[in-house]
């Protein structure tokens, strides 16, 4: 179970208020707002191109909003470089994983190592191999010699070596075999039990329903649904998620 003090497991960990983000002159996010509580798993749902990845990149400082506010642990992070946001306890796993293919699994993990965070048991390779047993069986193999699913696990494990309080995952189940998706879901559930908050963008609705507490549906750069995922009706799915 989580080693986090109960007092810290209260209230919001992330607040995004009316952000407007652009790629060049293209206006992608329109006054987008969301709020996420500590210790929860939340998902951004929506069709391709509606702004899910841009939302995550705006939170991480990869895209800087032209207006609006983003606070992490009640501290403003708009305009901060990604490395500083990461050092505050916000981890990011991009859609393309970006592992070091020429390094071993163990070496990839060491790249992500950061000091322990007060109130949390630090992540170590040993703990991560319990979370992702596949990686433990091949810890000296090069990142370029493992499957796509194993690369996704390695990308998450490397991010956890930074001891984040909130981890952001961009399309984590995309292109993975069903058995790997199931293992990923089990790992995310375990992370929640360990006190890690998780925000993911996801296309796989069934996967999201199996692991998430809350859902935000993004449409045309705005959040148009914000509720417990159990309240996500078929009518709403048909309106905003059907292809």
C-alpha atoms as a PDB file:
ATOM      1  CA  UNK A   1       0.000   0.000   0.000  1.00  0.00           C
ATOM      2  CA  UNK A   2       0.969   3.619  -0.330  1.00  0.00           C
ATOM      3  CA  UNK A   3       3.635   4.998   1.925  1.00  0.00           C
ATOM      4  CA  UNK A   4       2.256   8.492   1.423  1.00  0.00           C
ATOM      5  CA  UNK A   5       0.959  10.323   4.493  1.00  0.00           C
ATOM      6  CA  UNK A   6      -2.834  10.467   4.492  1.00  0.00           C
ATOM      7  CA  UNK A   7      -2.795  14.222   4.910  1.00  0.00           C
ATOM      8  CA  UNK A   8      -1.077  14.658   1.557  1.00  0.00           C
ATOM      9  CA  UNK A   9      -3.624  12.496  -0.215  1.00  0.00           C
ATOM     10  CA  UNK A  10      -6.253  15.219  -0.191  1.00  0.00           C
ATOM     11  CA  UNK A  11      -7.270  17.975  -2.558  1.00  0.00           C
ATOM     12  CA  UNK A  12      -6.156  18.700  -6.086  1.00  0.00           C
ATOM     13  CA  UNK A  13      -2.671  18.015  -7.371  1.00  0.00           C
ATOM     14  CA  UNK A  14      -3.160  19.621 -10.796  1.00  0.00           C
ATOM     15  CA  UNK A  15      -5.305  22.540 -11.951  1.00  0.00           C
ATOM     16  CA  UNK A  16      -5.545  23.769 -15.518  1.00  0.00           C
ATOM     17  CA  UNK A  17      -7.595  26.947 -15.909  1.00  0.00           C
ATOM     18  CA  UNK A  18      -8.696  28.404 -19.240  1.00  0.00           C
ATOM     19  CA  UNK A  19      -5.501  27.740 -21.179  1.00  0.00           C
ATOM     20  CA  UNK A  20      -5.139  28.732 -24.827  1.00  0.00           C
ATOM     21  CA  UNK A  21      -2.364  26.930 -26.680  1.00  0.00           C
ATOM     22  CA  UNK A  22      -1.193  27.359 -30.265  1.00  0.00           C
ATOM     23  CA  UNK A  23       1.036  25.659 -32.828  1.00  0.00           C
ATOM     24  CA  UNK A  24       2.218  28.675 -34.776  1.00  0.00           C
ATOM     25  CA  UNK A  25      -0.973  30.504 -35.734  1.00  0.00           C
ATOM     26  CA  UNK A  26      -3.167  27.420 -35.262  1.00  0.00           C
ATOM     27  CA  UNK A  27      -5.296  27.815 -32.135  1.00  0.00           C
ATOM     28  CA  UNK A  28      -5.499  24.287 -30.632  1.00  0.00           C
ATOM     29  CA  UNK A  29      -6.763  24.667 -27.038  1.00  0.00           C
ATOM     30  CA  UNK A  30      -9.630  27.090 -26.354  1.00  0.00           C
ATOM     31  CA  UNK A  31      -9.998  28.049 -22.667  1.00  0.00           C
ATOM     32  CA  UNK A  32      -9.413  24.415 -21.687  1.00  0.00           C
ATOM     33  CA  UNK A  33      -9.845  23.692 -17.977  1.00  0.00           C
ATOM     34  CA  UNK A  34      -9.562  20.594 -15.809  1.00  0.00           C
ATOM     35  CA  UNK A  35      -8.752  19.732 -12.218  1.00  0.00           C
ATOM     36  CA  UNK A  36      -7.331  16.484 -10.908  1.00  0.00           C
ATOM     37  CA  UNK A  37      -7.316  15.176  -7.324  1.00  0.00           C
ATOM     38  CA  UNK A  38      -4.365  13.484  -5.670  1.00  0.00           C
ATOM     39  CA  UNK A  39      -4.287   9.705  -5.754  1.00  0.00           C
ATOM     40  CA  UNK A  40      -6.590   9.369  -8.752  1.00  0.00           C
ATOM     41  CA  UNK A  41      -6.296   8.039 -12.298  1.00  0.00           C
ATOM     42  CA  UNK A  42      -7.868  10.385 -14.855  1.00  0.00           C
ATOM     43  CA  UNK A  43      -8.148  10.075 -18.618  1.00  0.00           C
ATOM     44  CA  UNK A  44      -8.379  12.515 -21.509  1.00  0.00           C
ATOM     45  CA  UNK A  45     -10.664  11.025 -24.133  1.00  0.00           C
ATOM     46  CA  UNK A  46     -11.523  12.344 -27.574  1.00  0.00           C
ATOM     47  CA  UNK A  47     -11.149  11.799 -31.292  1.00  0.00           C
ATOM     48  CA  UNK A  48      -7.811  12.278 -33.025  1.00  0.00           C
ATOM     49  CA  UNK A  49      -6.761  15.880 -33.406  1.00  0.00           C
ATOM     50  CA  UNK A  50      -8.971  17.432 -30.707  1.00  0.00           C
ATOM     51  CA  UNK A  51      -6.089  18.565 -28.488  1.00  0.00           C
ATOM     52  CA  UNK A  52      -5.357  15.732 -26.040  1.00  0.00           C
ATOM     53  CA  UNK A  53      -1.613  15.570 -26.655  1.00  0.00           C
ATOM     54  CA  UNK A  54      -1.399  19.358 -26.782  1.00  0.00           C
ATOM     55  CA  UNK A  55      -3.016  19.476 -23.342  1.00  0.00           C
ATOM     56  CA  UNK A  56      -0.386  17.134 -21.938  1.00  0.00           C
ATOM     57  CA  UNK A  57       2.444  19.034 -23.636  1.00  0.00           C
ATOM     58  CA  UNK A  58       1.071  22.320 -22.291  1.00  0.00           C
ATOM     59  CA  UNK A  59       1.105  20.914 -18.752  1.00  0.00           C
ATOM     60  CA  UNK A  60       4.705  19.725 -19.207  1.00  0.00           C
ATOM     61  CA  UNK A  61       5.955  23.032 -20.616  1.00  0.00           C
ATOM     62  CA  UNK A  62       6.712  21.604 -24.063  1.00  0.00           C
ATOM     63  CA  UNK A  63       4.000  23.888 -25.454  1.00  0.00           C
ATOM     64  CA  UNK A  64       3.634  27.179 -23.584  1.00  0.00           C
ATOM     65  CA  UNK A  65       0.031  28.443 -23.385  1.00  0.00           C
ATOM     66  CA  UNK A  66      -0.546  32.027 -24.551  1.00  0.00           C
ATOM     67  CA  UNK A  67      -2.972  32.555 -21.669  1.00  0.00           C
ATOM     68  CA  UNK A  68      -4.482  30.736 -18.687  1.00  0.00           C
ATOM     69  CA  UNK A  69      -3.062  29.130 -15.552  1.00  0.00           C
ATOM     70  CA  UNK A  70      -1.583  25.734 -14.718  1.00  0.00           C
ATOM     71  CA  UNK A  71      -0.740  24.859 -11.124  1.00  0.00           C
ATOM     72  CA  UNK A  72       0.932  21.679  -9.879  1.00  0.00           C
ATOM     73  CA  UNK A  73       0.845  21.159  -6.103  1.00  0.00           C
ATOM     74  CA  UNK A  74      -0.537  24.724  -5.921  1.00  0.00           C
ATOM     75  CA  UNK A  75       2.532  26.177  -7.631  1.00  0.00           C
ATOM     76  CA  UNK A  76       2.315  27.894 -11.017  1.00  0.00           C
ATOM     77  CA  UNK A  77       4.231  26.031 -13.714  1.00  0.00           C
ATOM     78  CA  UNK A  78       3.284  28.031 -16.831  1.00  0.00           C
ATOM     79  CA  UNK A  79       6.445  29.153 -18.565  1.00  0.00           C
ATOM     80  CA  UNK A  80       8.707  26.835 -16.566  1.00  0.00           C
ATOM     81  CA  UNK A  81      11.040  24.632 -18.645  1.00  0.00           C
ATOM     82  CA  UNK A  82      10.154  20.918 -18.737  1.00  0.00           C
ATOM     83  CA  UNK A  83      13.184  19.881 -16.663  1.00  0.00           C
ATOM     84  CA  UNK A  84      12.092  22.120 -13.790  1.00  0.00           C
ATOM     85  CA  UNK A  85       8.514  20.830 -13.977  1.00  0.00           C
ATOM     86  CA  UNK A  86       9.898  17.291 -13.898  1.00  0.00           C
ATOM     87  CA  UNK A  87      12.050  18.124 -10.862  1.00  0.00           C
ATOM     88  CA  UNK A  88       8.906  19.298  -9.036  1.00  0.00           C
ATOM     89  CA  UNK A  89       7.505  15.770  -9.298  1.00  0.00           C
ATOM     90  CA  UNK A  90       5.678  15.601 -12.622  1.00  0.00           C
ATOM     91  CA  UNK A  91       6.718  12.715 -14.891  1.00  0.00           C
ATOM     92  CA  UNK A  92       5.943  12.447 -18.605  1.00  0.00           C
ATOM     93  CA  UNK A  93       5.851   9.424 -20.921  1.00  0.00           C
ATOM     94  CA  UNK A  94       5.474  10.644 -24.525  1.00  0.00           C
ATOM     95  CA  UNK A  95       3.550   8.777 -27.177  1.00  0.00           C
ATOM     96  CA  UNK A  96       6.745   7.779 -29.026  1.00  0.00           C
ATOM     97  CA  UNK A  97       8.400   6.462 -25.801  1.00  0.00           C
ATOM     98  CA  UNK A  98      11.887   7.854 -26.588  1.00  0.00           C
ATOM     99  CA  UNK A  99      13.903   5.206 -24.806  1.00  0.00           C
ATOM    100  CA  UNK A 100      17.637   4.990 -25.473  1.00  0.00           C
ATOM    101  CA  UNK A 101      17.840   2.064 -27.885  1.00  0.00           C
ATOM    102  CA  UNK A 102      21.626   1.766 -27.560  1.00  0.00           C
ATOM    103  CA  UNK A 103      21.522   1.451 -23.765  1.00  0.00           C
ATOM    104  CA  UNK A 104      20.493  -1.578 -21.736  1.00  0.00           C
ATOM    105  CA  UNK A 105      17.308  -1.647 -19.694  1.00  0.00           C
ATOM    106  CA  UNK A 106      19.345  -1.041 -16.521  1.00  0.00           C
ATOM    107  CA  UNK A 107      21.197   1.865 -18.144  1.00  0.00           C
ATOM    108  CA  UNK A 108      17.919   3.408 -19.312  1.00  0.00           C
ATOM    109  CA  UNK A 109      16.633   3.266 -15.746  1.00  0.00           C
ATOM    110  CA  UNK A 110      19.773   4.915 -14.371  1.00  0.00           C
ATOM    111  CA  UNK A 111      19.296   7.821 -16.801  1.00  0.00           C
ATOM    112  CA  UNK A 112      15.967   8.561 -15.113  1.00  0.00           C
ATOM    113  CA  UNK A 113      17.192   8.345 -11.514  1.00  0.00           C
ATOM    114  CA  UNK A 114      16.423  11.354  -9.296  1.00  0.00           C
ATOM    115  CA  UNK A 115      16.607  11.886  -5.536  1.00  0.00           C
ATOM    116  CA  UNK A 116      13.855  10.387  -3.334  1.00  0.00           C
ATOM    117  CA  UNK A 117      10.770  12.518  -2.645  1.00  0.00           C
ATOM    118  CA  UNK A 118       9.675  13.086   0.953  1.00  0.00           C
ATOM    119  CA  UNK A 119       6.687  10.956   1.933  1.00  0.00           C
ATOM    120  CA  UNK A 120       7.197   8.395  -0.842  1.00  0.00           C
ATOM    121  CA  UNK A 121       9.158   5.173  -0.946  1.00  0.00           C
ATOM    122  CA  UNK A 122      11.762   5.746  -3.679  1.00  0.00           C
ATOM    123  CA  UNK A 123      11.534   3.729  -6.873  1.00  0.00           C
ATOM    124  CA  UNK A 124      14.457   1.381  -7.475  1.00  0.00           C
ATOM    125  CA  UNK A 125      15.138  -1.064 -10.315  1.00  0.00           C
ATOM    126  CA  UNK A 126      14.194  -3.888  -7.932  1.00  0.00           C
ATOM    127  CA  UNK A 127      10.777  -2.378  -7.191  1.00  0.00           C
ATOM    128  CA  UNK A 128      10.228  -1.628 -10.875  1.00  0.00           C
ATOM    129  CA  UNK A 129      11.032  -5.214 -11.854  1.00  0.00           C
ATOM    130  CA  UNK A 130       8.285  -6.307  -9.467  1.00  0.00           C
ATOM    131  CA  UNK A 131       5.947  -3.923 -11.277  1.00  0.00           C
ATOM    132  CA  UNK A 132       7.169  -4.986 -14.752  1.00  0.00           C
ATOM    133  CA  UNK A 133       8.488  -8.567 -14.445  1.00  0.00           C
ATOM    134  CA  UNK A 134       9.200  -8.746 -18.198  1.00  0.00           C
ATOM    135  CA  UNK A 135      11.909  -6.110 -17.803  1.00  0.00           C
ATOM    136  CA  UNK A 136      13.531  -7.917 -14.890  1.00  0.00           C
ATOM    137  CA  UNK A 137      14.018 -11.001 -17.044  1.00  0.00           C
ATOM    138  CA  UNK A 138      16.067  -9.044 -19.613  1.00  0.00           C
ATOM    139  CA  UNK A 139      17.626  -6.178 -17.659  1.00  0.00           C
ATOM    140  CA  UNK A 140      20.914  -6.333 -19.594  1.00  0.00           C
ATOM    141  CA  UNK A 141      19.271  -6.331 -23.025  1.00  0.00           C
ATOM    142  CA  UNK A 142      19.517  -3.241 -25.218  1.00  0.00           C
ATOM    143  CA  UNK A 143      16.423  -1.057 -25.455  1.00  0.00           C
ATOM    144  CA  UNK A 144      16.414  -1.488 -29.226  1.00  0.00           C
ATOM    145  CA  UNK A 145      16.186  -5.271 -28.872  1.00  0.00           C
ATOM    146  CA  UNK A 146      12.923  -5.462 -26.907  1.00  0.00           C
ATOM    147  CA  UNK A 147       9.326  -5.401 -28.140  1.00  0.00           C
ATOM    148  CA  UNK A 148       7.149  -2.296 -28.437  1.00  0.00           C
ATOM    149  CA  UNK A 149       5.197  -3.297 -25.339  1.00  0.00           C
ATOM    150  CA  UNK A 150       8.385  -3.808 -23.357  1.00  0.00           C
ATOM    151  CA  UNK A 151       9.647  -0.427 -24.582  1.00  0.00           C
ATOM    152  CA  UNK A 152       6.450   1.155 -23.263  1.00  0.00           C
ATOM    153  CA  UNK A 153       6.995  -0.501 -19.883  1.00  0.00           C
ATOM    154  CA  UNK A 154      10.626   0.676 -19.895  1.00  0.00           C
ATOM    155  CA  UNK A 155       9.587   4.237 -20.698  1.00  0.00           C
ATOM    156  CA  UNK A 156       7.188   4.253 -17.747  1.00  0.00           C
ATOM    157  CA  UNK A 157       9.758   2.594 -15.470  1.00  0.00           C
ATOM    158  CA  UNK A 158      12.424   5.134 -16.431  1.00  0.00           C
ATOM    159  CA  UNK A 159      10.012   7.970 -15.632  1.00  0.00           C
ATOM    160  CA  UNK A 160       9.226   6.395 -12.246  1.00  0.00           C
ATOM    161  CA  UNK A 161      12.939   6.413 -11.405  1.00  0.00           C
ATOM    162  CA  UNK A 162      12.435  10.167 -11.064  1.00  0.00           C
ATOM    163  CA  UNK A 163      10.030   9.497  -8.160  1.00  0.00           C
ATOM    164  CA  UNK A 164       7.144  11.577  -9.584  1.00  0.00           C
ATOM    165  CA  UNK A 165       3.960  12.368  -7.659  1.00  0.00           C
ATOM    166  CA  UNK A 166       1.983  12.666 -10.902  1.00  0.00           C
ATOM    167  CA  UNK A 167       2.788  10.780 -14.082  1.00  0.00           C
ATOM    168  CA  UNK A 168       1.397  11.763 -17.499  1.00  0.00           C
ATOM    169  CA  UNK A 169       1.018   9.050 -20.151  1.00  0.00           C
ATOM    170  CA  UNK A 170       0.277   9.879 -23.795  1.00  0.00           C
ATOM    171  CA  UNK A 171      -1.621   7.023 -25.505  1.00  0.00           C
ATOM    172  CA  UNK A 172       0.059   4.270 -23.434  1.00  0.00           C
ATOM    173  CA  UNK A 173      -1.909   1.347 -24.905  1.00  0.00           C
ATOM    174  CA  UNK A 174      -1.585   2.345 -28.572  1.00  0.00           C
ATOM    175  CA  UNK A 175      -0.339  -0.480 -30.777  1.00  0.00           C
ATOM    176  CA  UNK A 176       0.103  -2.951 -27.928  1.00  0.00           C
ATOM    177  CA  UNK A 177      -1.089  -6.555 -27.885  1.00  0.00           C
ATOM    178  CA  UNK A 178      -4.105  -7.194 -25.603  1.00  0.00           C
ATOM    179  CA  UNK A 179      -2.037  -9.231 -23.112  1.00  0.00           C
ATOM    180  CA  UNK A 180       0.430  -6.326 -22.780  1.00  0.00           C
ATOM    181  CA  UNK A 181      -2.446  -3.863 -22.368  1.00  0.00           C
ATOM    182  CA  UNK A 182      -3.733  -6.007 -19.491  1.00  0.00           C
ATOM    183  CA  UNK A 183      -0.287  -5.978 -17.840  1.00  0.00           C
ATOM    184  CA  UNK A 184      -0.119  -2.215 -18.290  1.00  0.00           C
ATOM    185  CA  UNK A 185      -3.510  -1.823 -16.622  1.00  0.00           C
ATOM    186  CA  UNK A 186      -2.372  -3.897 -13.660  1.00  0.00           C
ATOM    187  CA  UNK A 187       0.761  -1.759 -13.331  1.00  0.00           C
ATOM    188  CA  UNK A 188      -1.238   1.497 -13.395  1.00  0.00           C
ATOM    189  CA  UNK A 189      -3.586   0.149 -10.716  1.00  0.00           C
ATOM    190  CA  UNK A 190      -0.564  -0.763  -8.592  1.00  0.00           C
ATOM    191  CA  UNK A 191       0.891   2.732  -9.062  1.00  0.00           C
ATOM    192  CA  UNK A 192      -2.346   4.257  -7.819  1.00  0.00           C
ATOM    193  CA  UNK A 193      -2.131   2.051  -4.722  1.00  0.00           C
ATOM    194  CA  UNK A 194       1.417   3.360  -4.223  1.00  0.00           C
ATOM    195  CA  UNK A 195       0.079   6.928  -4.115  1.00  0.00           C
ATOM    196  CA  UNK A 196       1.052   8.002  -7.633  1.00  0.00           C
ATOM    197  CA  UNK A 197      -1.527  10.166  -9.408  1.00  0.00           C
ATOM    198  CA  UNK A 198      -1.902   9.411 -13.138  1.00  0.00           C
ATOM    199  CA  UNK A 199      -3.249  11.407 -16.086  1.00  0.00           C
ATOM    200  CA  UNK A 200      -3.388   9.675 -19.452  1.00  0.00           C
ATOM    201  CA  UNK A 201      -4.606  10.441 -22.929  1.00  0.00           C
ATOM    202  CA  UNK A 202      -6.190   7.348 -24.394  1.00  0.00           C
ATOM    203  CA  UNK A 203      -8.185   6.103 -27.391  1.00  0.00           C
ATOM    204  CA  UNK A 204      -9.010   2.681 -25.913  1.00  0.00           C
ATOM    205  CA  UNK A 205     -12.244   3.331 -24.009  1.00  0.00           C
ATOM    206  CA  UNK A 206     -12.460  -0.163 -22.526  1.00  0.00           C
ATOM    207  CA  UNK A 207      -8.925   0.153 -21.158  1.00  0.00           C
ATOM    208  CA  UNK A 208      -9.743   3.574 -19.713  1.00  0.00           C
ATOM    209  CA  UNK A 209     -12.916   2.287 -18.046  1.00  0.00           C
ATOM    210  CA  UNK A 210     -10.966  -0.544 -16.415  1.00  0.00           C
ATOM    211  CA  UNK A 211      -8.387   1.673 -14.669  1.00  0.00           C
ATOM    212  CA  UNK A 212      -9.639   5.267 -14.440  1.00  0.00           C
ATOM    213  CA  UNK A 213     -11.641   7.121 -11.807  1.00  0.00           C
ATOM    214  CA  UNK A 214     -12.391  10.258 -13.813  1.00  0.00           C
ATOM    215  CA  UNK A 215     -12.825  11.154 -17.464  1.00  0.00           C
ATOM    216  CA  UNK A 216     -12.355  14.395 -19.344  1.00  0.00           C
ATOM    217  CA  UNK A 217     -13.602  14.430 -22.926  1.00  0.00           C
ATOM    218  CA  UNK A 218     -11.848  16.938 -25.168  1.00  0.00           C
ATOM    219  CA  UNK A 219     -13.606  18.236 -28.273  1.00  0.00           C
ATOM    220  CA  UNK A 220     -12.384  21.094 -30.465  1.00  0.00           C
ATOM    221  CA  UNK A 221      -9.835  22.105 -27.836  1.00  0.00           C
ATOM    222  CA  UNK A 222     -12.262  22.281 -24.907  1.00  0.00           C
ATOM    223  CA  UNK A 223     -13.270  19.917 -22.107  1.00  0.00           C
ATOM    224  CA  UNK A 224     -16.920  19.099 -22.781  1.00  0.00           C
ATOM    225  CA  UNK A 225     -17.323  16.264 -20.224  1.00  0.00           C
ATOM    226  CA  UNK A 226     -15.829  16.175 -16.730  1.00  0.00           C
ATOM    227  CA  UNK A 227     -17.176  13.504 -14.400  1.00  0.00           C
ATOM    228  CA  UNK A 228     -16.563  10.115 -12.834  1.00  0.00           C
ATOM    229  CA  UNK A 229     -15.906   7.662 -15.649  1.00  0.00           C
ATOM    230  CA  UNK A 230     -18.752   5.463 -14.417  1.00  0.00           C
ATOM    231  CA  UNK A 231     -21.100   8.303 -15.427  1.00  0.00           C
ATOM    232  CA  UNK A 232     -19.899   8.266 -19.030  1.00  0.00           C
ATOM    233  CA  UNK A 233     -23.040   7.286 -20.948  1.00  0.00           C
ATOM    234  CA  UNK A 234     -23.342   5.634 -24.338  1.00  0.00           C
ATOM    235  CA  UNK A 235     -25.013   8.809 -25.633  1.00  0.00           C
ATOM    236  CA  UNK A 236     -22.010  10.930 -24.655  1.00  0.00           C
ATOM    237  CA  UNK A 237     -19.631   8.375 -26.181  1.00  0.00           C
ATOM    238  CA  UNK A 238     -21.635   8.388 -29.414  1.00  0.00           C
ATOM    239  CA  UNK A 239     -21.599  12.187 -29.560  1.00  0.00           C
ATOM    240  CA  UNK A 240     -17.924  12.802 -28.821  1.00  0.00           C
ATOM    241  CA  UNK A 241     -15.981   9.563 -29.323  1.00  0.00           C
ATOM    242  CA  UNK A 242     -17.599   7.687 -32.224  1.00  0.00           C
ATOM    243  CA  UNK A 243     -15.583   7.766 -35.426  1.00  0.00           C
END
